[in-house]
Protein backbone atom coordinates (compact mmCIF):
# COMPACT_ATOMS: atom_id res chain seq x y z
CA MET A 1 74.45 112.14 189.66
CA ARG A 2 76.94 109.72 188.13
CA VAL A 3 79.03 107.56 190.47
CA LEU A 4 82.26 107.99 188.48
CA ASN A 5 81.91 111.77 188.35
CA ILE A 6 81.29 112.02 192.09
CA THR A 7 84.13 109.63 192.93
CA ILE A 8 86.75 111.54 190.94
CA PHE A 9 85.55 114.88 192.26
CA VAL A 10 85.57 113.91 195.95
CA LEU A 11 88.85 111.95 195.80
CA PRO A 12 91.12 114.91 196.72
CA PHE A 13 88.78 115.77 199.60
CA LEU A 14 88.86 112.17 200.91
CA ILE A 15 92.66 111.93 200.62
CA SER A 16 92.94 115.20 202.51
CA ALA A 17 90.62 113.94 205.25
CA ILE A 18 92.76 110.83 205.76
CA LEU A 19 95.97 112.88 205.89
CA THR A 20 94.34 115.32 208.32
CA TYR A 21 93.44 112.44 210.64
CA LEU A 22 97.08 111.31 210.60
CA LEU A 23 98.85 114.66 210.69
CA SER A 24 96.73 117.40 212.22
CA ALA A 25 96.67 118.88 215.68
CA PRO A 26 93.66 117.90 217.82
CA GLY A 27 90.54 119.99 218.41
CA LEU A 28 89.15 122.81 216.33
CA LEU A 29 92.52 123.41 214.69
CA ALA A 30 91.99 120.13 212.83
CA ILE A 31 89.44 121.95 210.65
CA PHE A 32 92.02 124.49 209.55
CA SER A 33 94.61 121.70 209.17
CA TYR A 34 92.25 119.97 206.77
CA PHE A 35 92.11 122.98 204.45
CA VAL A 36 95.89 123.42 204.58
CA ILE A 37 96.38 119.79 203.56
CA LEU A 38 93.56 120.06 201.01
CA GLY A 39 95.46 122.93 199.41
CA MET A 40 98.54 120.76 199.01
CA VAL A 41 96.52 117.89 197.54
CA ILE A 42 94.57 120.10 195.12
CA CYS A 43 97.71 121.92 193.94
CA ALA A 44 99.31 118.53 193.28
CA SER A 45 96.19 117.29 191.46
CA ILE A 46 95.97 120.38 189.25
CA PHE A 47 99.63 120.06 188.35
CA LEU A 48 99.21 116.39 187.40
CA VAL A 49 96.28 117.29 185.14
CA PHE A 50 98.36 120.08 183.60
CA LEU A 51 101.13 117.54 182.97
CA LYS A 52 98.62 115.26 181.23
CA GLU A 53 97.43 118.15 179.08
CA TYR A 54 100.99 119.21 178.29
CA ILE A 55 101.86 115.70 177.10
CA SER A 56 98.72 115.68 174.95
CA ALA A 57 99.47 119.19 173.64
CA ARG A 58 102.88 118.07 172.40
CA SER A 59 101.14 115.97 169.73
CA TYR A 60 98.66 118.72 168.87
CA SER A 61 98.43 119.48 165.17
CA LEU A 62 96.01 121.11 162.80
CA ALA A 63 94.71 119.65 159.58
CA PRO A 64 96.08 121.25 156.39
CA LEU A 65 93.86 124.01 155.09
CA ASP A 66 91.15 122.51 152.88
CA THR A 67 88.77 124.81 151.04
CA LYS A 68 86.65 121.90 149.78
CA HIS A 69 83.80 121.72 152.25
CA ALA A 70 80.04 122.04 152.37
CA GLU A 71 78.57 125.50 152.02
CA HIS A 72 77.22 127.05 155.20
CA ARG A 73 75.03 130.00 156.01
CA ILE A 74 76.61 131.75 158.96
CA ALA A 75 75.03 134.10 161.46
CA VAL A 76 77.55 136.25 163.30
CA VAL A 77 76.24 137.68 166.57
CA ILE A 78 77.91 140.36 168.69
CA ALA A 79 76.12 140.70 172.03
CA THR A 80 76.63 144.12 173.63
CA PHE A 81 75.59 145.99 176.75
CA ASP A 82 76.59 149.68 176.87
CA GLU A 83 80.05 149.01 175.46
CA ASP A 84 81.92 151.62 173.44
CA PRO A 85 79.86 151.84 170.23
CA GLU A 86 82.94 152.68 168.15
CA VAL A 87 84.58 149.44 169.30
CA VAL A 88 81.40 147.54 168.42
CA LYS A 89 81.30 149.23 165.02
CA ASP A 90 84.86 148.18 164.15
CA THR A 91 84.23 144.60 165.30
CA ALA A 92 81.09 144.42 163.15
CA ALA A 93 83.05 145.68 160.14
CA SER A 94 85.68 142.98 160.71
CA ALA A 95 82.96 140.33 160.88
CA VAL A 96 81.40 141.54 157.61
CA ARG A 97 84.78 141.27 155.86
CA ALA A 98 85.40 137.78 157.32
CA LEU A 99 82.01 136.45 156.19
CA LYS A 100 82.67 137.25 152.53
CA GLY A 101 78.98 136.99 151.70
CA ARG A 102 78.40 133.67 153.50
CA GLY A 103 75.90 135.08 155.98
CA ASP A 104 74.88 138.08 158.06
CA VAL A 105 76.08 140.06 161.06
CA PHE A 106 73.72 140.83 163.93
CA ILE A 107 74.28 143.20 166.85
CA LEU A 108 72.30 141.94 169.85
CA SER A 109 72.08 145.18 171.80
CA ASP A 110 70.82 145.40 175.37
CA ALA A 111 72.08 148.99 175.51
CA THR A 112 70.55 151.42 177.98
CA ASP A 113 72.88 154.34 177.20
CA ASP A 114 71.34 156.73 174.62
CA ARG A 115 74.65 157.37 172.83
CA CYS A 116 75.27 153.64 172.49
CA LYS A 117 71.79 153.13 171.11
CA ALA A 118 72.21 155.94 168.56
CA VAL A 119 75.64 154.90 167.24
CA ILE A 120 74.87 151.19 167.15
CA GLY A 121 71.61 151.92 165.34
CA GLU A 122 73.62 153.56 162.56
CA LEU A 123 75.36 150.23 161.85
CA GLU A 124 72.38 149.12 159.78
CA LYS A 125 73.67 151.48 157.08
CA MET A 126 76.61 149.09 156.54
CA GLY A 127 74.37 146.04 156.24
CA VAL A 128 74.47 144.95 159.88
CA ARG A 129 71.21 144.01 161.59
CA VAL A 130 70.65 145.52 165.04
CA LEU A 131 68.28 143.68 167.35
CA THR A 132 67.19 145.09 170.71
CA ARG A 133 65.26 143.73 173.70
CA ASP A 134 63.15 145.36 176.37
CA ILE A 135 64.47 143.10 179.17
CA ARG A 136 67.85 141.38 179.71
CA ARG A 137 66.42 137.93 180.36
CA GLY A 138 69.28 135.44 180.46
CA TYR A 139 71.79 138.22 179.73
CA LYS A 140 74.14 137.29 176.85
CA ALA A 141 72.90 133.69 176.61
CA GLY A 142 69.29 134.84 176.67
CA ALA A 143 69.89 137.37 173.90
CA ILE A 144 71.50 134.72 171.70
CA ASN A 145 68.77 132.17 172.43
CA ASP A 146 66.10 134.74 171.56
CA PHE A 147 67.95 135.36 168.30
CA LEU A 148 68.09 131.62 167.52
CA LYS A 149 64.35 131.20 168.07
CA GLU A 150 63.64 133.98 165.59
CA TYR A 151 66.40 133.58 162.99
CA GLY A 152 68.25 130.31 163.66
CA LYS A 153 66.32 128.37 161.02
CA ASN A 154 67.90 130.54 158.31
CA TYR A 155 71.49 129.53 159.15
CA THR A 156 73.58 126.41 159.76
CA LEU A 157 76.34 127.96 161.88
CA LEU A 158 76.39 130.57 164.63
CA ALA A 159 79.56 132.60 165.29
CA ILE A 160 79.84 134.57 168.53
CA PHE A 161 82.24 137.47 169.07
CA ASP A 162 82.62 139.81 172.01
CA ALA A 163 82.40 143.50 171.19
CA ASP A 164 86.20 143.86 171.32
CA GLN A 165 87.31 140.56 169.71
CA ARG A 166 87.68 141.07 165.95
CA PRO A 167 87.96 138.18 163.48
CA SER A 168 90.61 138.24 160.79
CA ASP A 169 89.57 138.28 157.11
CA SER A 170 90.48 134.57 156.82
CA PHE A 171 88.61 133.49 159.96
CA PHE A 172 85.88 131.43 158.31
CA ASP A 173 88.15 130.23 155.50
CA GLU A 174 90.23 128.52 158.21
CA ILE A 175 87.56 126.90 160.34
CA LEU A 176 84.70 125.77 158.09
CA GLN A 177 86.45 122.54 157.09
CA TYR A 178 86.14 121.16 160.64
CA PHE A 179 82.37 121.04 160.37
CA GLU A 180 82.62 118.25 157.80
CA ASP A 181 82.59 115.96 160.84
CA GLU A 182 78.93 115.91 161.92
CA LYS A 183 79.93 115.22 165.54
CA VAL A 184 81.77 118.56 165.82
CA ALA A 185 79.44 120.86 167.73
CA PHE A 186 81.72 123.89 167.77
CA VAL A 187 85.11 125.23 166.80
CA GLN A 188 87.01 127.54 169.13
CA VAL A 189 89.93 129.83 168.32
CA PRO A 190 92.11 131.54 170.94
CA GLN A 191 91.04 134.97 172.08
CA ALA A 192 93.49 137.82 171.72
CA TYR A 193 94.67 140.54 174.09
CA THR A 194 96.41 143.07 171.86
CA GLU A 195 95.81 146.46 173.52
CA LEU A 196 98.49 146.12 176.19
CA ASP A 197 98.76 149.71 177.39
CA THR A 198 98.62 148.94 181.12
CA ARG A 199 100.48 146.50 183.37
CA ILE A 200 97.19 144.91 184.41
CA GLY A 201 96.46 144.20 180.75
CA MET A 202 99.94 142.72 180.25
CA ALA A 203 99.51 140.54 183.33
CA ALA A 204 96.05 139.38 182.19
CA LYS A 205 97.61 138.26 178.91
CA SER A 206 100.41 136.43 180.76
CA GLN A 207 97.79 134.67 182.88
CA GLN A 208 95.88 133.47 179.80
CA THR A 209 98.89 132.37 177.74
CA PRO A 210 99.57 128.91 179.33
CA PHE A 211 95.85 128.17 179.22
CA LEU A 212 95.46 129.06 175.53
CA ARG A 213 98.76 127.62 174.33
CA THR A 214 98.97 124.43 176.41
CA VAL A 215 95.87 123.57 178.43
CA VAL A 216 93.26 123.96 175.68
CA ARG A 217 95.56 122.39 173.11
CA GLY A 218 95.83 119.38 175.41
CA ARG A 219 92.07 119.13 175.72
CA ASP A 220 91.39 119.38 171.98
CA LYS A 221 88.19 117.33 171.48
CA SER A 222 86.90 118.39 174.90
CA ALA A 223 88.07 122.03 174.69
CA PHE A 224 85.31 124.27 175.93
CA SER A 225 83.94 127.44 174.42
CA LEU A 226 85.57 130.69 175.54
CA GLY A 227 82.46 132.75 174.87
CA SER A 228 83.99 134.62 171.93
CA GLY A 229 85.63 133.33 168.78
CA THR A 230 83.31 130.33 168.96
CA VAL A 231 81.44 128.94 165.95
CA TYR A 232 78.58 126.58 166.82
CA ARG A 233 76.67 124.11 164.68
CA ILE A 234 73.14 125.39 165.22
CA SER A 235 71.57 121.93 165.08
CA ALA A 236 73.86 120.82 167.94
CA LEU A 237 72.88 123.85 170.00
CA GLU A 238 69.22 123.09 169.38
CA ASP A 239 69.87 119.51 170.53
CA VAL A 240 70.80 120.78 174.01
CA GLY A 241 68.18 123.50 174.18
CA GLY A 242 70.41 126.43 173.21
CA LEU A 243 72.98 128.24 175.30
CA TYR A 244 72.67 127.48 179.00
CA GLU A 245 71.14 130.53 180.70
CA LYS A 246 71.27 129.55 184.39
CA THR A 247 74.84 130.73 184.85
CA VAL A 248 76.94 133.81 184.12
CA THR A 249 79.42 131.72 182.08
CA GLU A 250 77.13 130.24 179.48
CA ASP A 251 80.09 129.23 177.31
CA VAL A 252 81.57 126.55 179.60
CA ALA A 253 78.17 125.28 180.73
CA THR A 254 76.97 124.88 177.13
CA SER A 255 80.22 123.13 176.20
CA LEU A 256 79.67 120.67 179.04
CA ARG A 257 76.16 119.85 177.86
CA LEU A 258 77.36 119.33 174.30
CA HIS A 259 80.22 117.05 175.37
CA GLY A 260 77.78 115.19 177.61
CA LYS A 261 75.66 114.53 174.50
CA GLY A 262 78.65 112.98 172.74
CA TYR A 263 79.56 115.93 170.55
CA LYS A 264 83.16 116.97 169.92
CA SER A 265 84.83 120.35 169.82
CA VAL A 266 87.88 121.50 167.88
CA TYR A 267 90.44 124.01 169.08
CA VAL A 268 92.15 125.83 166.22
CA ASP A 269 95.20 127.47 167.71
CA LYS A 270 95.77 130.11 165.07
CA PRO A 271 95.83 133.92 165.45
CA LEU A 272 92.44 134.38 163.82
CA ILE A 273 91.43 137.13 166.24
CA TRP A 274 93.54 140.20 165.49
CA TYR A 275 92.29 142.68 168.10
CA GLY A 276 91.19 142.36 171.71
CA ILE A 277 91.02 144.50 174.84
CA PRO A 278 92.05 142.90 178.17
CA PRO A 279 90.93 144.17 181.56
CA ARG A 280 93.04 147.31 181.93
CA ASP A 281 92.65 148.23 185.59
CA LEU A 282 92.03 146.48 188.90
CA LYS A 283 88.26 147.01 188.93
CA ALA A 284 87.85 145.49 185.46
CA TYR A 285 90.14 142.56 186.29
CA LEU A 286 88.41 141.74 189.58
CA SER A 287 85.01 141.97 187.87
CA GLN A 288 86.16 139.56 185.17
CA GLN A 289 87.60 137.05 187.64
CA SER A 290 84.51 137.28 189.82
CA ARG A 291 82.23 136.48 186.88
CA TRP A 292 84.40 133.68 185.51
CA SER A 293 84.88 132.05 188.91
CA ILE A 294 81.26 132.04 190.03
CA GLY A 295 80.37 130.57 186.65
CA GLY A 296 83.02 127.90 187.24
CA PHE A 297 81.58 127.06 190.67
CA GLN A 298 78.03 126.97 189.28
CA LEU A 299 79.16 124.28 186.86
CA LEU A 300 79.56 121.62 189.55
CA CYS A 301 76.02 120.23 189.79
CA ARG A 302 75.81 119.91 186.03
CA LEU A 303 79.29 118.39 185.89
CA LEU A 304 78.38 115.61 188.31
CA LYS A 305 75.44 114.58 186.08
CA GLU A 306 76.88 114.57 182.56
CA LYS A 307 78.11 111.44 180.81
CA LEU A 308 81.64 112.38 179.76
CA SER A 309 84.73 110.57 178.64
CA LEU A 310 87.23 110.03 181.46
CA THR A 311 89.70 112.60 180.09
CA ALA A 312 86.98 115.20 179.55
CA LEU A 313 85.65 114.59 183.06
CA ILE A 314 89.10 115.09 184.59
CA ASP A 315 89.63 118.27 182.56
CA TYR A 316 86.32 119.79 183.65
CA ILE A 317 86.90 118.88 187.30
CA ALA A 318 90.38 120.43 187.09
CA SER A 319 88.76 123.65 185.85
CA TRP A 320 86.52 123.71 188.92
CA MET A 321 89.48 122.93 191.19
CA TYR A 322 91.48 125.75 189.60
CA TRP A 323 89.00 128.35 190.83
CA PHE A 324 88.83 126.67 194.24
CA LYS A 325 92.62 126.95 194.43
CA VAL A 326 92.77 130.59 193.28
CA GLY A 327 90.17 131.64 195.85
CA PRO A 328 89.59 129.75 199.13
CA ILE A 329 92.77 127.67 199.01
CA THR A 330 94.98 130.70 198.38
CA MET A 331 93.30 132.46 201.29
CA VAL A 332 94.08 129.48 203.55
CA GLN A 333 97.67 129.37 202.32
CA ILE A 334 98.11 133.05 203.19
CA ILE A 335 96.47 132.70 206.61
CA ALA A 336 98.46 129.58 207.57
CA PRO A 337 101.89 131.18 208.27
CA ILE A 338 100.17 134.15 209.91
CA LEU A 339 98.41 131.87 212.42
CA PHE A 340 101.59 129.95 213.13
CA LEU A 341 104.01 132.88 213.45
CA LEU A 342 101.81 135.64 214.82
CA PHE A 343 99.40 133.70 217.03
CA ASP A 344 101.39 130.54 217.94
CA LEU A 345 98.67 128.24 216.57
CA TYR A 346 100.36 124.97 215.60
CA TYR A 347 97.83 123.24 213.36
CA LEU A 348 100.03 120.39 212.04
CA LYS A 349 101.93 117.90 214.17
CA PHE A 350 104.27 116.06 211.80
CA ASP A 351 108.03 116.45 211.64
CA PRO A 352 109.00 119.48 209.50
CA VAL A 353 111.90 117.46 208.12
CA VAL A 354 109.34 115.18 206.44
CA TYR A 355 107.70 118.27 204.93
CA LEU A 356 111.03 119.44 203.54
CA ILE A 357 111.83 116.02 202.12
CA VAL A 358 108.43 115.39 200.52
CA TYR A 359 106.59 118.63 199.69
CA ILE A 360 109.31 121.18 198.96
CA PRO A 361 110.98 119.00 196.25
CA PHE A 362 107.54 118.47 194.70
CA ILE A 363 106.91 122.23 194.60
CA LEU A 364 110.32 123.00 193.12
CA SER A 365 110.22 120.21 190.54
CA GLY A 366 106.62 121.04 189.65
CA THR A 367 107.41 124.72 189.09
CA SER A 368 110.47 123.80 187.03
CA LEU A 369 108.49 121.37 184.87
CA TYR A 370 105.75 123.96 184.40
CA LEU A 371 108.21 126.62 183.23
CA ALA A 372 109.92 124.10 180.96
CA ALA A 373 106.58 123.08 179.44
CA VAL A 374 105.60 126.64 178.50
CA ARG A 375 109.05 128.12 177.84
CA LYS A 376 108.47 128.66 174.09
CA PHE A 377 105.85 131.34 174.65
CA TYR A 378 106.07 132.20 178.35
CA SER A 379 109.06 133.89 179.97
CA LEU A 380 110.10 134.31 183.60
CA LYS A 381 108.70 137.84 183.35
CA ASP A 382 105.35 136.37 182.29
CA PHE A 383 105.50 134.04 185.30
CA VAL A 384 105.96 136.98 187.69
CA TYR A 385 103.12 138.95 186.05
CA HIS A 386 100.90 135.85 186.05
CA GLN A 387 101.48 134.96 189.71
CA SER A 388 101.15 138.56 190.87
CA ILE A 389 97.81 139.18 189.21
CA GLU A 390 96.49 135.75 190.18
CA PHE A 391 97.19 136.53 193.85
CA LEU A 392 95.05 139.65 193.46
CA ALA A 393 92.20 137.44 192.29
CA PHE A 394 91.92 135.51 195.58
CA VAL A 395 89.58 138.12 197.11
CA PRO A 396 86.84 138.21 194.42
CA VAL A 397 87.12 134.47 193.74
CA THR A 398 86.71 133.64 197.44
CA LEU A 399 83.68 135.94 197.57
CA SER A 400 82.30 134.18 194.48
CA PHE A 401 82.75 130.82 196.20
CA LEU A 402 80.85 132.03 199.26
CA ALA A 403 78.10 133.48 197.04
CA TRP A 404 77.85 130.12 195.28
CA LEU A 405 77.63 128.25 198.59
CA VAL A 406 74.69 130.34 199.79
CA ARG A 407 73.11 130.29 196.30
CA ARG A 408 73.29 134.06 195.95
CA GLU A 409 72.55 135.20 192.41
CA ARG A 410 75.13 137.33 190.60
CA ALA A 411 74.17 139.53 187.64
CA PHE A 412 76.16 139.32 184.42
CA ALA A 413 78.74 142.13 184.44
CA VAL A 414 80.61 143.25 181.32
CA THR A 415 84.36 143.67 181.83
CA GLY A 416 85.18 147.37 181.70
CA LYS A 417 87.30 148.56 178.77
CA ILE A 418 88.01 152.16 179.88
CA ILE A 419 90.93 152.72 182.26
CA GLU A 420 89.65 154.04 185.57
CA LYS A 421 91.53 155.45 188.54
CA THR A 422 91.94 152.75 191.17
CA GLU A 423 89.44 152.96 194.02
CA LYS A 424 91.30 152.88 197.34
CA ARG A 425 88.79 150.45 198.84
CA LEU A 426 89.84 147.81 196.30
CA ILE A 427 93.44 147.67 197.55
CA ILE A 428 92.67 147.71 201.28
CA PRO A 429 92.39 143.88 201.61
CA TYR A 430 95.81 143.43 200.02
CA LEU A 431 97.39 146.07 202.27
CA ILE A 432 95.96 144.29 205.32
CA VAL A 433 97.33 140.93 204.13
CA LEU A 434 100.72 142.50 203.39
CA THR A 435 100.88 144.07 206.87
CA LEU A 436 100.00 140.77 208.57
CA LEU A 437 102.59 138.83 206.55
CA ILE A 438 105.36 141.32 207.41
CA ALA A 439 104.35 141.30 211.07
CA SER A 440 104.40 137.49 211.02
CA ILE A 441 107.94 137.42 209.69
CA VAL A 442 109.13 139.87 212.35
CA ARG A 443 107.41 137.82 215.06
CA GLY A 444 108.90 134.67 213.57
CA VAL A 445 112.43 136.04 213.83
CA PHE A 446 111.92 136.66 217.55
CA THR A 447 110.50 133.14 217.95
CA LEU A 448 113.68 131.72 216.40
CA LEU A 449 115.67 133.37 219.15
CA GLU A 450 113.27 132.48 221.95
CA ASN A 451 112.36 128.89 221.05
CA PRO A 452 115.06 127.06 219.07
CA ALA A 453 113.21 123.74 219.56
CA ILE A 454 110.78 124.65 216.76
CA ARG A 455 113.33 126.47 214.63
CA LEU A 456 112.76 124.42 211.45
CA ALA A 457 108.98 124.78 211.59
CA VAL A 458 109.34 128.53 212.10
CA LEU A 459 111.73 128.83 209.16
CA ILE A 460 109.30 126.97 206.89
CA ASN A 461 106.48 129.34 207.83
CA ILE A 462 108.71 132.38 207.44
CA PHE A 463 109.55 131.13 203.94
CA TRP A 464 105.88 130.90 202.97
CA ALA A 465 105.02 134.26 204.49
CA ALA A 466 107.92 135.81 202.57
CA TYR A 467 106.94 133.97 199.38
CA PHE A 468 103.67 135.85 199.01
CA ILE A 469 105.04 139.31 199.73
CA PRO A 470 106.90 140.10 196.46
CA PHE A 471 103.95 138.95 194.34
CA ILE A 472 101.47 141.04 196.33
CA VAL A 473 103.81 144.06 196.26
CA PHE A 474 104.33 143.76 192.51
CA GLY A 475 100.58 143.25 192.05
CA LEU A 476 99.89 146.50 193.89
CA PHE A 477 102.59 148.19 191.83
CA MET A 478 100.81 147.08 188.65
CA VAL A 479 97.52 148.33 190.01
CA LEU A 480 98.85 151.77 190.89
CA ARG A 481 100.66 152.15 187.57
CA SER A 482 97.60 151.04 185.63
CA GLY A 483 95.46 153.58 187.38
CA GLU A 484 97.64 156.57 186.49
């Protein structure tokens, strides 16, 4: 463990502990007070990192296209597991066109479905190699590492595409020049969500837009792999022992190891992926967020050990904190007004006027700055879609956090691409939360009439209870419309 890494990571937790000592109610409620204050501190920290990345992103630029570069042999791999074989077929065809004779396309198929096996097997007629395994050791990362052991020596670069993310014909023409710098371990292009035929899919795109258009731009040399649309230098991968297999998000973990070794990455923000399928219903979205978040939590031990630049370290820690905020912190923020209004549990003891003077202006100014920073590609409608779907993620992300704490293994799950009718059990937690928030507001109104001495504190909690309701309602509306 590195002292600097640990210090920066624990700083928000220490600040929150000091504030809890000064501001919380006594007894067991102090524990809950700590998490309420921690939520404020983490939200503020994440925003400050976003501001840093936005400032950096403003100077982001790409080098002019240069076709004078060293020749490379490129292996394109498309790892699949029982995905629609027709989708895989079209992606493979796009990859063949993009290569323009500079390498080969391989389908790494762990298919168990007989139809998938049959159709994917036919791809060899179009010059695509299909490789299969008897066991899914290491899942996607394991399949790619097995490929590298057998075929990696024949190529200099490795390009990875998901089954539904298709490269444009100019993909490799645009990115090969960046490998002239021997310290560049990989080049990443933004993924694309183009098949927006459900509200869940539209919201998933809105959620990704600020990340792809601002956050990753601002990280540039420490941008991490997104798992698809990534082109690795094979020698750099070999230097860190291949893709990291002890996590379900091998992309971020491998990026961290490469950056820890002193390698750089390049983010090429061009629309070089022309087709992509987002999660299209609630089940697919929750599965995706569950996988991404537990992979983010699993990153922590590795993160505390790697030798990173200060900016890269802050960016990676912010990524971990993001998932902590979306899951456990959001749950605490929802529970807080319910405890205060419905159960008369007063967990903080400072003057609510101070809260209004200090925290509310920060929230309002922070939201305004955020919207101003992303206004060129992100509308108010996108903000509503983004916030609504992100609130839906708090359940699976919190469960992922708990699974990570108890070291429970999670299998790699492919995000579903077929629209399915929403299972009622999936919306029950949100209906319960919605009912409790509404009941809290009603109870709060009666408290205003009965106990005017705490009127301001009650109004603040009514505000927060009411704040969540429209996003949850619109989230459920998206879910029900997407499941039709």
